[in-house]
C-alpha cells in the first residue's frame, strides 16, 4: 500500500535537487579538468620525446632531403623531422628555435663540437689504448648526435587562482645516438 506524501513536505524539498547538483558538480568538474590537464601534459612530454627520437633516427642516416625536398643542411632536415613528428605543437619559426642539434666527440660528451673544432690537423683520441683519428667533420662517423627540444612552454587549461594562476610549465626532451657509417657511395657526411 502506497503512502501519500504530505503536500507541505513536498514543497519543502523543491530546491534540494539544485543544491545537491551544485554541491556534486563542482568537485566533479574539478576532477575532470584536473585529470584532463595532467593527461595532456603527459601526452605532450611523450610526444616531444618521440619527436626528438625520430629526429635522431633521421640524423644517423646522413640525409639532406625530406620527402623529396632539399633542406640544404642536415640540421635543417632534422629540425623539420622533429617539427613534423610533433603534430603541430612545434610548428612555426619561433618553435623551431626550441629544437637544437648538437654533435659530440666520443671522448667528450659535455662540450658540443663547433666548426672551429674540426678540420685539417684536428684529432680525437678515443681512449688511452687506441691511436688518435682525425676530426674532419662535426657529423663524422663515431661522433654522437643529440637532438633536443628545450623549454617548450605549456599553460594549464584551467588555472586555479591563488594556487597556480597561469603558471607555465616548461618541458624538455632529448635523444642521442652514435653516427654510424655513411650512406652507400658517400665518402664524407653532408654539411651539418
Protein backbone atom coordinates (compact mmCIF):
# COMPACT_ATOMS: atom_id res chain seq x y z
CA UNK A 1 0.00 0.00 0.00
CA UNK A 2 1.41 3.35 -1.08
CA UNK A 3 1.51 6.14 1.42
CA UNK A 4 0.52 9.62 0.40
CA UNK A 5 3.19 12.33 0.68
CA UNK A 6 2.22 15.34 2.67
CA UNK A 7 2.00 18.38 0.26
CA UNK A 8 3.72 20.66 2.81
CA UNK A 9 6.62 18.27 2.97
CA UNK A 10 6.87 18.12 -0.83
CA UNK A 11 7.06 21.92 -1.09
CA UNK A 12 9.96 21.98 1.39
CA UNK A 13 12.08 19.67 -0.83
CA UNK A 14 11.75 21.63 -4.09
CA UNK A 15 15.25 23.22 -4.04
CA UNK A 16 17.08 20.11 -2.81
CA UNK A 17 17.87 18.81 -6.27
CA UNK A 18 19.51 22.04 -7.39
CA UNK A 19 21.59 22.32 -4.21
CA UNK A 20 22.67 18.67 -4.36
CA UNK A 21 23.63 19.04 -8.03
CA UNK A 22 25.72 22.15 -7.37
CA UNK A 23 27.47 20.50 -4.42
CA UNK A 24 28.35 17.45 -6.53
CA UNK A 25 29.06 19.17 -9.86
CA UNK A 26 31.83 21.49 -8.68
CA UNK A 27 34.12 18.71 -7.37
CA UNK A 28 33.22 16.55 -10.38
CA UNK A 29 34.23 19.27 -12.87
CA UNK A 30 37.41 20.00 -10.90
CA UNK A 31 38.32 16.32 -11.02
CA UNK A 32 37.53 16.09 -14.73
CA UNK A 33 39.64 19.14 -15.65
CA UNK A 34 42.46 18.05 -13.33
CA UNK A 35 42.68 14.63 -14.95
CA UNK A 36 42.48 16.21 -18.42
CA UNK A 37 45.27 18.69 -17.63
CA UNK A 38 47.61 16.04 -16.28
CA UNK A 39 46.83 13.63 -19.13
CA UNK A 40 47.56 16.34 -21.71
CA UNK A 41 50.87 17.23 -20.02
CA UNK A 42 51.92 13.56 -20.03
CA UNK A 43 50.87 13.27 -23.68
CA UNK A 44 52.92 16.36 -24.63
CA UNK A 45 56.03 15.08 -22.86
CA UNK A 46 55.69 11.71 -24.58
CA UNK A 47 55.10 13.35 -27.97
CA UNK A 48 58.18 15.57 -27.59
CA UNK A 49 60.31 12.56 -26.65
CA UNK A 50 59.06 10.64 -29.67
CA UNK A 51 59.69 13.61 -31.97
CA UNK A 52 63.33 14.07 -30.90
CA UNK A 53 63.91 10.33 -31.21
CA UNK A 54 62.58 10.47 -34.78
CA UNK A 55 64.99 13.36 -35.42
CA UNK A 56 67.94 11.31 -34.17
CA UNK A 57 66.92 8.32 -36.27
CA UNK A 58 66.79 10.57 -39.31
CA UNK A 59 70.11 12.21 -38.38
CA UNK A 60 72.10 8.99 -38.34
CA UNK A 61 71.09 8.35 -41.97
CA UNK A 62 73.03 11.47 -43.15
CA UNK A 63 70.20 12.69 -45.42
CA UNK A 64 69.67 16.27 -46.59
CA UNK A 65 66.33 15.74 -48.35
CA UNK A 66 62.98 15.19 -46.71
CA UNK A 67 60.05 13.86 -48.73
CA UNK A 68 61.82 14.82 -51.95
CA UNK A 69 62.57 18.40 -50.84
CA UNK A 70 66.14 19.54 -50.24
CA UNK A 71 66.75 21.10 -46.82
CA UNK A 72 70.24 22.42 -47.53
CA UNK A 73 71.88 21.11 -44.37
CA UNK A 74 71.49 18.01 -42.25
CA UNK A 75 70.48 20.10 -39.22
CA UNK A 76 67.67 21.82 -41.15
CA UNK A 77 66.28 18.43 -42.20
CA UNK A 78 66.48 17.07 -38.65
CA UNK A 79 64.61 20.11 -37.29
CA UNK A 80 61.93 19.63 -39.95
CA UNK A 81 61.55 15.95 -38.99
CA UNK A 82 61.09 16.92 -35.33
CA UNK A 83 58.50 19.56 -36.27
CA UNK A 84 56.61 17.07 -38.46
CA UNK A 85 56.58 14.46 -35.69
CA UNK A 86 55.27 16.94 -33.10
CA UNK A 87 51.78 17.00 -34.68
CA UNK A 88 51.73 20.79 -34.86
CA UNK A 89 52.86 21.70 -31.35
CA UNK A 90 56.34 22.74 -32.59
CA UNK A 91 55.26 24.32 -35.87
CA UNK A 92 56.44 27.78 -36.86
CA UNK A 93 59.78 29.52 -36.78
CA UNK A 94 59.51 30.56 -33.12
CA UNK A 95 59.22 26.93 -32.01
CA UNK A 96 61.97 25.90 -34.43
CA UNK A 97 64.37 27.80 -32.16
CA UNK A 98 63.50 25.39 -29.32
CA UNK A 99 64.96 22.49 -31.33
CA UNK A 100 68.71 22.02 -31.22
CA UNK A 101 71.06 19.56 -32.92
CA UNK A 102 74.50 19.06 -31.39
CA UNK A 103 77.43 16.82 -32.21
CA UNK A 104 79.91 15.48 -29.64
CA UNK A 105 83.25 13.72 -29.70
CA UNK A 106 83.07 10.20 -28.27
CA UNK A 107 85.60 11.19 -25.60
CA UNK A 108 83.98 14.49 -24.55
CA UNK A 109 80.23 14.31 -24.05
CA UNK A 110 79.98 17.61 -22.18
CA UNK A 111 81.19 20.09 -24.80
CA UNK A 112 79.45 20.12 -28.20
CA UNK A 113 81.61 20.43 -31.28
CA UNK A 114 81.83 23.74 -33.09
CA UNK A 115 83.08 24.41 -36.64
CA UNK A 116 86.40 25.58 -35.13
CA UNK A 117 86.96 22.16 -33.54
CA UNK A 118 87.11 20.32 -36.87
CA UNK A 119 89.38 20.45 -39.89
CA UNK A 120 92.83 19.51 -41.05
CA UNK A 121 95.16 18.66 -38.17
CA UNK A 122 92.37 18.24 -35.55
CA UNK A 123 92.27 14.82 -33.91
CA UNK A 124 90.23 12.76 -31.48
CA UNK A 125 91.87 10.26 -29.18
CA UNK A 126 89.31 7.55 -28.46
CA UNK A 127 90.95 6.21 -25.33
CA UNK A 128 94.41 5.54 -23.93
CA UNK A 129 94.88 2.36 -26.00
CA UNK A 130 93.75 3.44 -29.47
CA UNK A 131 95.51 5.85 -31.82
CA UNK A 132 94.17 9.32 -32.48
CA UNK A 133 91.91 9.74 -35.50
CA UNK A 134 91.37 12.91 -37.48
CA UNK A 135 88.36 15.08 -36.77
CA UNK A 136 87.39 16.43 -40.19
CA UNK A 137 83.63 16.91 -39.70
CA UNK A 138 81.32 17.57 -36.77
CA UNK A 139 78.98 14.85 -38.01
CA UNK A 140 81.51 12.21 -38.96
CA UNK A 141 81.12 8.55 -38.10
CA UNK A 142 81.82 7.67 -34.49
CA UNK A 143 80.65 11.03 -33.16
CA UNK A 144 77.48 11.39 -31.14
CA UNK A 145 74.42 13.32 -32.32
CA UNK A 146 71.99 14.82 -29.81
CA UNK A 147 68.61 16.25 -30.80
CA UNK A 148 66.71 18.12 -28.10
CA UNK A 149 63.70 20.32 -27.51
CA UNK A 150 64.36 22.74 -24.65
CA UNK A 151 61.85 24.73 -22.58
CA UNK A 152 58.69 24.04 -24.57
CA UNK A 153 56.09 26.24 -22.77
CA UNK A 154 52.72 24.87 -21.74
CA UNK A 155 49.96 26.54 -19.73
CA UNK A 156 47.39 24.62 -17.76
CA UNK A 157 43.90 24.62 -19.29
CA UNK A 158 42.23 25.81 -16.09
CA UNK A 159 44.49 27.91 -13.83
CA UNK A 160 43.41 27.99 -10.21
CA UNK A 161 43.52 31.46 -8.59
CA UNK A 162 45.75 31.72 -5.51
CA UNK A 163 47.07 28.22 -6.20
CA UNK A 164 48.61 28.23 -9.67
CA UNK A 165 47.41 31.32 -11.52
CA UNK A 166 48.53 30.68 -15.08
CA UNK A 167 51.77 29.02 -14.04
CA UNK A 168 53.58 27.85 -17.12
CA UNK A 169 55.44 24.57 -17.17
CA UNK A 170 58.49 24.07 -19.37
CA UNK A 171 59.06 20.68 -20.97
CA UNK A 172 62.34 19.42 -22.38
CA UNK A 173 63.25 16.20 -24.15
CA UNK A 174 66.40 14.91 -25.77
CA UNK A 175 67.65 11.83 -27.56
CA UNK A 176 71.08 10.82 -28.81
CA UNK A 177 72.79 8.12 -30.84
CA UNK A 178 76.17 7.32 -32.37
CA UNK A 179 76.66 8.21 -36.02
CA UNK A 180 77.46 5.01 -37.91
CA UNK A 181 78.65 4.51 -41.49
CA UNK A 182 77.95 6.89 -44.35
CA UNK A 183 75.34 6.03 -46.95
CA UNK A 184 76.44 3.75 -49.82
CA UNK A 185 78.64 5.65 -52.24
CA UNK A 186 79.37 8.56 -49.85
CA UNK A 187 82.88 9.17 -48.58
CA UNK A 188 82.01 12.17 -46.36
CA UNK A 189 78.96 13.38 -44.48
CA UNK A 190 76.75 16.23 -45.73
CA UNK A 191 77.07 19.72 -44.27
CA UNK A 192 75.87 19.64 -40.65
